[in-house]
Protein backbone atom coordinates (compact mmCIF):
# COMPACT_ATOMS: atom_id res chain seq x y z
CA MET A 1 0.00 0.00 0.00
CA THR A 2 1.15 3.55 -0.77
CA ASP A 3 -0.38 6.96 -0.05
CA ARG A 4 -0.51 8.36 -3.61
CA PHE A 5 -4.30 8.61 -3.36
CA SER A 6 -4.63 8.79 0.41
CA GLY A 7 -7.85 10.52 1.42
CA ARG A 8 -9.30 10.25 -2.08
CA VAL A 9 -12.44 8.46 -3.22
CA ALA A 10 -12.37 6.78 -6.63
CA LEU A 11 -15.38 5.53 -8.56
CA VAL A 12 -14.72 2.85 -11.19
CA THR A 13 -17.45 1.78 -13.59
CA GLY A 14 -17.16 -1.70 -15.04
CA GLY A 15 -14.92 -2.61 -12.13
CA ALA A 16 -15.49 -6.36 -11.98
CA ASN A 17 -13.14 -7.50 -14.74
CA GLY A 18 -10.21 -6.58 -16.94
CA ILE A 19 -9.02 -2.98 -17.00
CA GLY A 20 -11.64 -1.92 -14.47
CA ARG A 21 -10.57 -4.56 -11.97
CA ALA A 22 -6.87 -3.82 -12.43
CA SER A 23 -7.50 -0.09 -12.00
CA ALA A 24 -9.67 -0.50 -8.91
CA ILE A 25 -6.98 -2.66 -7.32
CA LYS A 26 -4.26 -0.12 -8.12
CA PHE A 27 -6.30 2.79 -6.77
CA ALA A 28 -6.87 0.87 -3.54
CA GLU A 29 -3.23 -0.21 -3.30
CA GLN A 30 -2.27 3.45 -3.51
CA GLY A 31 -4.56 4.58 -0.71
CA ALA A 32 -7.90 5.46 -2.32
CA LYS A 33 -11.27 4.32 -1.06
CA VAL A 34 -12.81 2.70 -4.12
CA ALA A 35 -16.39 2.15 -5.28
CA ILE A 36 -16.76 -0.37 -8.08
CA LEU A 37 -19.91 -0.62 -10.17
CA ASP A 38 -20.69 -3.58 -12.41
CA ILE A 39 -23.62 -5.74 -13.44
CA GLU A 40 -21.75 -9.01 -12.75
CA ASP A 41 -22.21 -9.88 -9.10
CA GLY A 42 -19.72 -12.77 -8.90
CA PRO A 43 -16.67 -11.11 -10.46
CA LEU A 44 -17.52 -7.87 -8.64
CA GLY A 45 -17.36 -9.69 -5.33
CA GLU A 46 -14.07 -11.31 -6.31
CA THR A 47 -12.53 -7.92 -7.09
CA ALA A 48 -13.79 -6.51 -3.79
CA GLU A 49 -12.42 -9.46 -1.84
CA GLN A 50 -9.02 -9.07 -3.48
CA ILE A 51 -8.92 -5.40 -2.47
CA ARG A 52 -10.03 -6.13 1.10
CA ALA A 53 -7.49 -8.94 1.45
CA ALA A 54 -4.75 -6.43 0.66
CA GLY A 55 -6.04 -4.01 3.29
CA GLY A 56 -7.95 -1.67 0.99
CA THR A 57 -11.34 -0.02 1.37
CA VAL A 58 -13.88 -0.94 -1.29
CA LEU A 59 -17.60 -0.56 -1.91
CA PRO A 60 -18.91 -3.00 -4.55
CA ILE A 61 -22.33 -2.09 -5.97
CA VAL A 62 -24.09 -4.37 -8.43
CA THR A 63 -25.36 -1.94 -11.06
CA ASN A 64 -26.82 -2.15 -14.54
CA MET A 65 -24.95 0.80 -16.02
CA ARG A 66 -27.61 1.31 -18.70
CA ASP A 67 -30.29 1.82 -16.02
CA ARG A 68 -30.13 5.55 -15.31
CA GLU A 69 -31.96 5.39 -11.98
CA ALA A 70 -29.82 2.48 -10.75
CA VAL A 71 -26.67 4.41 -11.63
CA LYS A 72 -27.86 7.47 -9.71
CA VAL A 73 -28.67 5.33 -6.68
CA ALA A 74 -25.19 3.75 -6.83
CA ILE A 75 -23.46 7.11 -7.01
CA ASP A 76 -25.53 8.48 -4.13
CA LYS A 77 -24.59 5.41 -2.07
CA THR A 78 -20.91 5.91 -2.90
CA VAL A 79 -20.99 9.48 -1.62
CA ALA A 80 -22.97 8.49 1.49
CA ASP A 81 -20.69 5.56 2.39
CA LEU A 82 -17.24 6.71 1.24
CA GLY A 83 -17.47 10.48 0.81
CA PRO A 84 -17.36 12.88 -2.14
CA ILE A 85 -15.95 11.40 -5.34
CA ASP A 86 -12.51 12.79 -6.27
CA ILE A 87 -11.62 10.42 -9.11
CA LEU A 88 -13.93 9.04 -11.78
CA LEU A 89 -12.87 6.25 -14.11
CA ASN A 90 -15.39 5.79 -16.91
CA ASN A 91 -14.29 2.29 -17.82
CA VAL A 92 -17.50 0.44 -18.65
CA GLY A 93 -17.93 -0.40 -22.32
CA GLN A 94 -17.48 -3.10 -24.91
CA THR A 95 -17.78 -3.98 -28.57
CA ALA A 96 -20.73 -5.96 -29.86
CA ARG A 97 -18.42 -8.98 -29.33
CA LYS A 98 -20.06 -12.05 -30.89
CA ASN A 99 -22.50 -9.79 -32.72
CA ALA A 100 -19.69 -7.71 -34.23
CA SER A 101 -19.77 -7.61 -38.01
CA GLU A 102 -19.03 -5.43 -40.99
CA PHE A 103 -21.18 -2.32 -40.85
CA LEU A 104 -23.48 -3.17 -43.75
CA ALA A 105 -24.28 -6.50 -42.12
CA SER A 106 -24.99 -4.95 -38.72
CA VAL A 107 -28.35 -3.83 -37.34
CA PRO A 108 -29.44 -0.59 -35.61
CA GLU A 109 -30.29 -2.44 -32.39
CA THR A 110 -26.62 -3.34 -32.03
CA TRP A 111 -25.53 0.25 -32.65
CA ASP A 112 -27.96 1.43 -29.97
CA PHE A 113 -26.44 -0.94 -27.42
CA VAL A 114 -22.83 -0.12 -28.29
CA VAL A 115 -23.29 3.66 -28.42
CA ASP A 116 -25.35 3.75 -25.23
CA LEU A 117 -22.97 1.64 -23.17
CA ASN A 118 -19.76 3.26 -24.39
CA LEU A 119 -20.74 6.91 -24.87
CA MET A 120 -24.05 7.75 -23.23
CA VAL A 121 -23.22 5.96 -19.97
CA THR A 122 -19.88 7.80 -19.82
CA MET A 123 -21.66 11.12 -20.31
CA TYR A 124 -24.39 10.34 -17.78
CA VAL A 125 -22.07 9.19 -15.00
CA THR A 126 -19.86 12.22 -15.54
CA TRP A 127 -22.93 14.49 -15.50
CA LEU A 128 -23.83 13.09 -12.07
CA VAL A 129 -20.33 13.16 -10.56
CA ALA A 130 -18.72 16.32 -11.96
CA PRO A 131 -20.89 18.90 -10.14
CA GLY A 132 -19.47 17.76 -6.80
CA MET A 133 -15.94 18.06 -8.17
CA ARG A 134 -16.73 21.54 -9.47
CA ASP A 135 -18.05 22.60 -6.07
CA ARG A 136 -14.90 21.36 -4.32
CA LYS A 137 -12.58 22.75 -7.02
CA PHE A 138 -10.89 19.38 -7.49
CA GLY A 139 -11.39 16.30 -9.61
CA LYS A 140 -9.83 13.77 -11.95
CA ILE A 141 -11.90 12.24 -14.74
CA VAL A 142 -10.43 9.51 -16.94
CA SER A 143 -12.52 7.84 -19.63
CA LEU A 144 -11.81 4.86 -21.85
CA SER A 145 -11.63 5.56 -25.57
CA SER A 146 -9.92 3.15 -27.98
CA ASP A 147 -7.15 3.06 -30.55
CA SER A 148 -9.78 1.84 -33.01
CA THR A 149 -10.78 5.50 -33.29
CA LEU A 150 -7.37 6.22 -34.82
CA ILE A 151 -6.82 3.11 -36.90
CA GLY A 152 -10.14 2.18 -38.48
CA ASP A 153 -10.62 -1.46 -37.53
CA LYS A 154 -13.07 -3.56 -39.51
CA ASN A 155 -16.09 -5.15 -37.85
CA ILE A 156 -16.32 -2.66 -34.96
CA VAL A 157 -17.34 0.54 -36.74
CA ASP A 158 -20.11 1.23 -34.21
CA TYR A 159 -17.65 0.84 -31.33
CA ALA A 160 -15.13 3.18 -32.96
CA ALA A 161 -17.86 5.76 -33.52
CA ALA A 162 -18.91 5.59 -29.86
CA LYS A 163 -15.33 5.83 -28.62
CA ASN A 164 -14.67 8.79 -30.92
CA GLY A 165 -17.58 10.36 -29.10
CA VAL A 166 -15.82 9.72 -25.79
CA THR A 167 -12.69 11.47 -27.09
CA GLY A 168 -14.64 14.50 -28.29
CA PHE A 169 -16.58 14.61 -25.03
CA THR A 170 -13.31 14.50 -23.08
CA ARG A 171 -11.73 17.39 -24.95
CA GLY A 172 -14.74 19.67 -24.76
CA LEU A 173 -15.38 18.89 -21.11
CA ALA A 174 -11.72 19.50 -20.26
CA ARG A 175 -12.10 23.10 -21.43
CA GLU A 176 -15.32 23.59 -19.49
CA LEU A 177 -14.01 22.14 -16.23
CA ALA A 178 -10.38 23.34 -16.23
CA PRO A 179 -11.25 26.58 -14.34
CA PHE A 180 -12.58 24.43 -11.50
CA GLY A 181 -9.41 22.41 -10.92
CA ILE A 182 -10.69 19.33 -12.74
CA ASN A 183 -8.51 17.35 -15.14
CA VAL A 184 -10.34 15.42 -17.85
CA ASN A 185 -8.44 12.92 -19.99
CA ALA A 186 -8.98 9.76 -21.99
CA ILE A 187 -7.02 6.57 -22.52
CA ALA A 188 -6.98 4.80 -25.89
CA PRO A 189 -5.99 1.20 -25.18
CA GLY A 190 -5.06 -1.11 -27.95
CA VAL A 191 -6.16 -4.71 -27.86
CA THR A 192 -5.72 -5.81 -24.25
CA ASN A 193 -5.68 -9.30 -22.75
CA THR A 194 -9.23 -9.25 -21.45
CA ARG A 195 -12.16 -11.48 -22.33
CA GLY A 196 -13.63 -8.98 -24.81
CA PRO A 197 -11.03 -9.19 -27.60
CA LYS A 198 -11.15 -12.98 -27.51
CA GLN A 199 -14.77 -12.76 -28.62
CA LEU A 200 -13.98 -10.60 -31.64
CA PRO A 201 -13.93 -12.09 -35.14
CA LYS A 202 -10.72 -14.08 -35.57
CA GLU A 203 -9.62 -11.90 -38.49
CA THR A 204 -9.84 -8.71 -36.41
CA TYR A 205 -8.03 -10.25 -33.45
CA GLU A 206 -5.14 -11.72 -35.46
CA GLN A 207 -4.69 -8.61 -37.59
CA ALA A 208 -4.38 -6.48 -34.47
CA LEU A 209 -1.66 -8.73 -33.05
CA ARG A 210 0.35 -8.61 -36.29
CA GLU A 211 0.28 -4.81 -36.23
CA ILE A 212 1.83 -4.40 -32.75
CA PRO A 213 5.59 -3.66 -32.93
CA ILE A 214 6.29 -4.92 -29.41
CA GLY A 215 4.78 -8.27 -30.40
CA HIS A 216 2.15 -8.74 -27.70
CA PHE A 217 -1.07 -7.27 -26.39
CA ALA A 218 -1.17 -5.11 -23.28
CA GLU A 219 -2.20 -6.57 -19.95
CA PRO A 220 -4.96 -4.83 -17.97
CA GLU A 221 -2.33 -3.67 -15.49
CA ASP A 222 -0.50 -1.79 -18.26
CA ILE A 223 -3.62 0.26 -18.94
CA ALA A 224 -4.27 0.70 -15.23
CA ASN A 225 -0.79 2.18 -14.80
CA ALA A 226 -1.62 4.88 -17.34
CA ILE A 227 -5.01 5.51 -15.73
CA THR A 228 -3.63 5.96 -12.23
CA PHE A 229 -0.97 8.31 -13.58
CA LEU A 230 -3.58 10.56 -15.19
CA ALA A 231 -5.63 10.44 -11.97
CA SER A 232 -2.65 11.54 -9.86
CA GLN A 233 -1.26 14.96 -9.05
CA GLU A 234 1.79 14.05 -11.12
CA ALA A 235 -0.47 14.73 -14.12
CA ARG A 236 -1.91 18.00 -12.81
CA CYS A 237 -0.86 19.90 -15.95
CA ILE A 238 -2.34 17.32 -18.33
CA THR A 239 -5.93 17.77 -19.45
CA GLY A 240 -7.96 17.26 -22.60
CA GLN A 241 -5.54 14.60 -23.83
CA LEU A 242 -5.91 11.18 -25.40
CA LEU A 243 -3.14 8.87 -24.17
CA VAL A 244 -2.61 5.91 -26.49
CA VAL A 245 -1.42 2.69 -24.81
CA ASN A 246 -1.19 0.07 -27.54
CA GLY A 247 2.36 -1.19 -27.89
CA GLY A 248 3.10 1.06 -30.85
CA ARG A 249 0.29 -0.19 -33.08
CA ILE A 250 -0.13 3.45 -34.02
CA PHE A 251 2.11 6.41 -33.21
CA TYR A 252 -0.07 9.33 -32.23
């Protein structure tokens, strides 16, 4: 345990698995009290137990992130139980996974799901959390974009569109909130060793691996390291930025 985030409260959406889990653990290891929101009860409990076993403070809340009222209740509970939220990680999101396809073979119902989960949920959670940060003149907001917004991957056009929205949202919001001591940034991970990429079409998965100069995908902890940096005071002069963490798949 370290004191990098001592006295801070961090909220992590999609905190049960992958990048969200790795980030929640790192925030807790570095002194933050952490609330983790996710729809998957079992993995959420496992993440919480791992944090508690290491001496951290964690509040797991089973939440359907697409249910606006449930999200508001979860955020209110976080503030009531842990205190005002200092750090927000908008991590929840995914591709259409097994339903991913070339755009002309896709259906609007899939776009609705992908855009809502990746973009609208990010905007809604931020809309609920940021006023408290503004009032206290302090806050760190980090949202997950994707390197697919820069590369143009096949079969996940809807996902890239939604994540481009996250990047645009981040940059505009950074300008609006900078006068209030709030840093707003985004991370663009490349393909990361989580369950999601393994459900992508084989062609997309293998092409991505071939394109990475370092020869391997990132681990969730690699992305979490970048996230915790942007959420720290070491990054106090960084805002409105998109940090690409993808092993050199694209130089940006």
